[in-house]
Amino acid sequence: MTPNAANICVNCLRSEVDITEGLQKHVTIMRCPKCESYLQPPKTWIKAQLESNELLTFCLKKLKTPNNVVKKDAAFIWTEPNSKRIKVKVKVQKEVLNEKMDQSYIVEYVVVDHVCDSCSRVQANSDQWVAKVQLRQYVSHRRSFFYLEQLILKHDAALRAIKIKQVNKGIDFFFANRSHALTFVNFVGKFVPIKKPRGDDKQLVSHDRKSNNYNYKYTYSVEICPICREDLVCLPPKVSSSLGNLGPLVLCTKVSNNIVLFDPLTLREKVMEAAQYWRNPFGPMLSSRQFVRYKVRSMEFIPSEGTKYALANVEVVRASDIEKNDKVFNVRTHLGHLLKAGDYALGYDLHGANTNDTELDKYGRLVIPDAILIKKCYEEQRQKTRGKSYPWKLKSLNMEVDSSSGKLDEEKMNSEYKAFLQELEENPELTFNISLYRNKDEQPMPIEEFFSYLSIGKEVD
């Protein structure tokens, strides 16, 4: 045992000496009740949720300790959220008589409500925004916005938006701070291919000549790529050449911050980056709203390796032509691993379609197939569950509807939203980045439980 000036062993010394004496045990912190931000003096507001790592770091920074006292560990102690009290158990270390002693104690933080500057301006005038983000996609549907809405909700990307307005061809997001708008634009760019604004589109609001201060309103126009999943695309010759002579008739199989293009006739697949797309932009030739239902008469497999798809030559007839003219089309498809004689498939009718695609005219000798099959159709299974509510549901953003752009077709919106829910059910991989909720409460549904409800895509005996 090492001797010390007190002639007491370490264990007894701990019981005799209180190293937390004189340390702060009560601290007052400011919180904005509107946006749940905490004031870091002098003017910085930090966004933090209860019992989060960010809040714990903030609380420890507010706790002042002498230089000879070291914070070793800290953890929250549960308190009622409405009590306006936050308790943190802090473990400190201090050297006493050449012995290092550890001791834990509880610090109580008193939360005082104080509206931050941004929320104060909004409270005074809800239309007093500083920056606006105009998200636009020039297509005939809102599939991309339905999915993007779920991503925004899951990541709380629009938490700082003071107002959200639904307009024709897009959504407007209003922010009280320019940096919040730029952060939101960067967030959207991580999930969809966007054309970012090159500069600031700003409008002068006021000018103080004495202090030479200028107040501006900023507008950021962000265009989303019009190519969506399951779209049929005719690549421009220049783009096709840059992708290794892909296509030119290709399918879009996935859209993230990149675009995945797939040739259903050769099983070749290429990834196109957003920057590459916007250098030579192009639109869809046909979209999923123009699907035609086909019935498979017969099929013959074509040997193929190294891909999850299987090539096959199939004989199909349009479902609308059955018992009328029974016109048969011989086409090649990548769905040989899914289809068999008697099955139904959804695809694009190129035999009777009027595409008017300018890029297609540039390929003079291109042999266009009569049809391109996109996916297997599960209409029979879907009819069994038609009219039944889903055991899961999605949340929605609190959006205003812009009346100045004309009355939106509510029936069209509802039908497109139902089609979006149906698409989630048929393609579970789309749910990996969003949050699902049980229909009876607001608790997030585990993805395994969602899979257990799926019936579409399972073969019926």
Foldseek 3Di string as FASTA:
>chain_A
DDAFPVRDDPVVVVVVDDPCPPWAQEAEWEAAPQLGWTDDPPADTHHDDPQDPVVVVVVVVRTDDDPQKAWDDKGWDDDDPPPQKTKMKTWIWGADRNDIDIDIDIHIYHYDYDHHPLVVVCVVPVPPFAEKEWEFEPDPACLVVVLVQQLCVVVVLLSQFSAKADEPRTIMTTHRDPVSVVSSVVVQLQFFQKDWDPDWDWDWDDADPVVRDTGIHTYIYIYTANADAQFWAQDFPVVCVVQVVPDSTWGFHDGTNWTWTADFQPRDIDIGHSVNCVVPPDHTQGDPVQKFKKAWAAKAWDDDDDDPWTKIWTWIATPVCVVPPRDIFTDIGRHPVPDGHGFMFIWHQPLPDDRPGPSVVVPPPDDDGRIYTRGTDPVVVVVVCPPPDDQKDGDGDPYHYDPVNPDDDPVSNVVSVVVSVVVCLQDVVSCPSGFIGGPVDRDTDDSVVSVVRRDPPDDDD
